[in-house]
C-alpha atoms as a PDB file:
ATOM      1  CA  MET A   1    -103.600 -25.678  47.863  1.00  0.00           C
ATOM      2  CA  ALA A   2    -105.550 -28.100  45.514  1.00  0.00           C
ATOM      3  CA  GLU A   3    -108.488 -26.920  43.315  1.00  0.00           C
ATOM      4  CA  ARG A   4    -111.734 -26.279  45.114  1.00  0.00           C
ATOM      5  CA  ARG A   5    -114.232 -27.524  42.589  1.00  0.00           C
ATOM      6  CA  ASN A   6    -115.343 -30.652  44.209  1.00  0.00           C
ATOM      7  CA  LEU A   7    -118.758 -30.251  45.938  1.00  0.00           C
ATOM      8  CA  HIS A   8    -118.032 -33.268  48.249  1.00  0.00           C
ATOM      9  CA  LYS A   9    -114.805 -31.721  49.536  1.00  0.00           C
ATOM     10  CA  GLN A  10    -114.617 -29.059  52.334  1.00  0.00           C
ATOM     11  CA  TYR A  11    -110.945 -28.105  52.818  1.00  0.00           C
ATOM     12  CA  VAL A  12    -110.039 -27.407  56.385  1.00  0.00           C
ATOM     13  CA  LYS A  13    -107.173 -26.067  58.394  1.00  0.00           C
ATOM     14  CA  VAL A  14    -106.112 -28.512  61.104  1.00  0.00           C
ATOM     15  CA  ARG A  15    -104.216 -28.303  64.371  1.00  0.00           C
ATOM     16  CA  ALA A  16    -102.481 -31.445  65.134  1.00  0.00           C
ATOM     17  CA  ASP A  17     -99.783 -32.961  67.276  1.00  0.00           C
ATOM     18  CA  HIS A  18     -96.745 -34.586  65.647  1.00  0.00           C
ATOM     19  CA  GLU A  19     -95.545 -37.494  67.745  1.00  0.00           C
ATOM     20  CA  ILE A  20     -91.881 -38.600  67.907  1.00  0.00           C
ATOM     21  CA  GLY A  21     -92.533 -41.857  65.831  1.00  0.00           C
ATOM     22  CA  GLY A  22     -94.009 -39.610  62.960  1.00  0.00           C
ATOM     23  CA  ARG A  23     -97.673 -40.190  63.778  1.00  0.00           C
ATOM     24  CA  VAL A  24     -99.922 -37.192  63.189  1.00  0.00           C
ATOM     25  CA  VAL A  25    -102.812 -36.619  65.527  1.00  0.00           C
ATOM     26  CA  PRO A  26    -105.521 -34.065  64.584  1.00  0.00           C
ATOM     27  CA  LEU A  27    -106.820 -31.968  67.447  1.00  0.00           C
ATOM     28  CA  MET A  28    -109.233 -29.689  65.904  1.00  0.00           C
ATOM     29  CA  PHE A  29    -109.991 -28.292  62.492  1.00  0.00           C
ATOM     30  CA  ARG A  30    -111.575 -25.048  61.082  1.00  0.00           C
ATOM     31  CA  ALA A  31    -113.318 -24.644  57.700  1.00  0.00           C
ATOM     32  CA  GLU A  32    -112.357 -21.573  55.614  1.00  0.00           C
ATOM     33  CA  ASP A  33    -115.481 -19.705  56.591  1.00  0.00           C
ATOM     34  CA  GLY A  34    -116.481 -21.468  59.936  1.00  0.00           C
ATOM     35  CA  GLU A  35    -115.671 -21.881  63.612  1.00  0.00           C
ATOM     36  CA  ALA A  36    -113.172 -24.226  65.145  1.00  0.00           C
ATOM     37  CA  GLN A  37    -114.425 -27.939  65.699  1.00  0.00           C
ATOM     38  CA  HIS A  38    -112.685 -29.750  68.493  1.00  0.00           C
ATOM     39  CA  ILE A  39    -112.108 -33.478  67.866  1.00  0.00           C
ATOM     40  CA  ASP A  40    -113.347 -35.386  70.843  1.00  0.00           C
ATOM     41  CA  LYS A  41    -111.983 -38.638  69.788  1.00  0.00           C
ATOM     42  CA  ILE A  42    -110.024 -40.399  66.887  1.00  0.00           C
ATOM     43  CA  VAL A  43    -112.033 -43.514  66.321  1.00  0.00           C
ATOM     44  CA  PHE A  44    -110.083 -45.090  63.558  1.00  0.00           C
ATOM     45  CA  VAL A  45    -107.018 -44.287  61.291  1.00  0.00           C
ATOM     46  CA  CYS A  46    -106.247 -45.960  57.939  1.00  0.00           C
ATOM     47  CA  GLU A  47    -104.895 -45.254  54.370  1.00  0.00           C
ATOM     48  CA  ALA A  48    -108.090 -44.979  52.246  1.00  0.00           C
ATOM     49  CA  PRO A  49    -109.622 -43.053  49.462  1.00  0.00           C
ATOM     50  CA  SER A  50    -112.539 -40.632  49.981  1.00  0.00           C
ATOM     51  CA  LEU A  51    -115.261 -42.272  47.947  1.00  0.00           C
ATOM     52  CA  LYS A  52    -117.557 -39.309  47.734  1.00  0.00           C
ATOM     53  CA  ALA A  53    -114.827 -36.531  47.272  1.00  0.00           C
ATOM     54  CA  GLY A  54    -111.917 -38.283  45.614  1.00  0.00           C
ATOM     55  CA  GLY A  55    -108.342 -38.225  46.673  1.00  0.00           C
ATOM     56  CA  GLN A  56    -105.973 -40.665  48.609  1.00  0.00           C
ATOM     57  CA  GLY A  57    -104.466 -40.335  51.799  1.00  0.00           C
ATOM     58  CA  THR A  58    -104.869 -40.882  55.593  1.00  0.00           C
ATOM     59  CA  ARG A  59    -108.546 -41.121  56.711  1.00  0.00           C
ATOM     60  CA  TYR A  60    -109.199 -40.211  60.323  1.00  0.00           C
ATOM     61  CA  THR A  61    -112.606 -41.243  61.512  1.00  0.00           C
ATOM     62  CA  CYS A  62    -113.419 -38.533  64.077  1.00  0.00           C
ATOM     63  CA  ARG A  63    -115.988 -38.265  66.782  1.00  0.00           C
ATOM     64  CA  ILE A  64    -117.246 -34.652  67.315  1.00  0.00           C
ATOM     65  CA  GLY A  65    -120.217 -33.896  69.724  1.00  0.00           C
ATOM     66  CA  GLY A  66    -121.530 -37.431  69.388  1.00  0.00           C
ATOM     67  CA  CYS A  67    -121.288 -37.566  65.482  1.00  0.00           C
ATOM     68  CA  GLU A  68    -118.737 -39.105  63.409  1.00  0.00           C
ATOM     69  CA  LEU A  69    -117.067 -37.646  60.156  1.00  0.00           C
ATOM     70  CA  TYR A  70    -114.130 -38.435  57.948  1.00  0.00           C
ATOM     71  CA  LEU A  71    -111.151 -36.145  58.076  1.00  0.00           C
ATOM     72  CA  PHE A  72    -108.523 -36.824  55.153  1.00  0.00           C
ATOM     73  CA  HIS A  73    -104.875 -35.835  54.887  1.00  0.00           C
ATOM     74  CA  ASP A  74    -104.002 -35.907  51.274  1.00  0.00           C
ATOM     75  CA  ARG A  75    -100.339 -34.724  50.626  1.00  0.00           C
ATOM     76  CA  ASP A  76    -100.433 -31.136  51.718  1.00  0.00           C
ATOM     77  CA  ASP A  77    -104.197 -30.734  52.080  1.00  0.00           C
ATOM     78  CA  TRP A  78    -106.790 -31.485  54.883  1.00  0.00           C
ATOM     79  CA  PHE A  79    -110.434 -31.854  53.959  1.00  0.00           C
ATOM     80  CA  ILE A  80    -113.726 -33.482  55.172  1.00  0.00           C
ATOM     81  CA  GLU A  81    -116.143 -35.239  53.106  1.00  0.00           C
ATOM     82  CA  VAL A  82    -119.661 -33.411  52.835  1.00  0.00           C
ATOM     83  CA  GLY A  83    -122.868 -34.184  51.371  1.00  0.00           C
END
C-alpha cells in the first residue's frame, strides 16, 4: 500500500461489485480503525484528482446517511478525503 503520511487521505478497505463490463461499484468501506460504512447511493463517478489529498484515479461521489463524501480508487488503493 502507498505511504500513509498525507493528513487529508484516509485509506479504507472497500467491498465492491465488479460488473461484467468492467465497471466497479463500491458497496461499503471500512477505515483501518473504524466500523463499516454502507454506501447508500453512488451520486456521480468520474476520473478526477483529489484536490486535498493528492492522487489521481476514479472519484466516486457517495451518499452515506444523508452526507456526501469523495471515495477514490487510485491504482491498488482506496481512500477518502478528510479535513
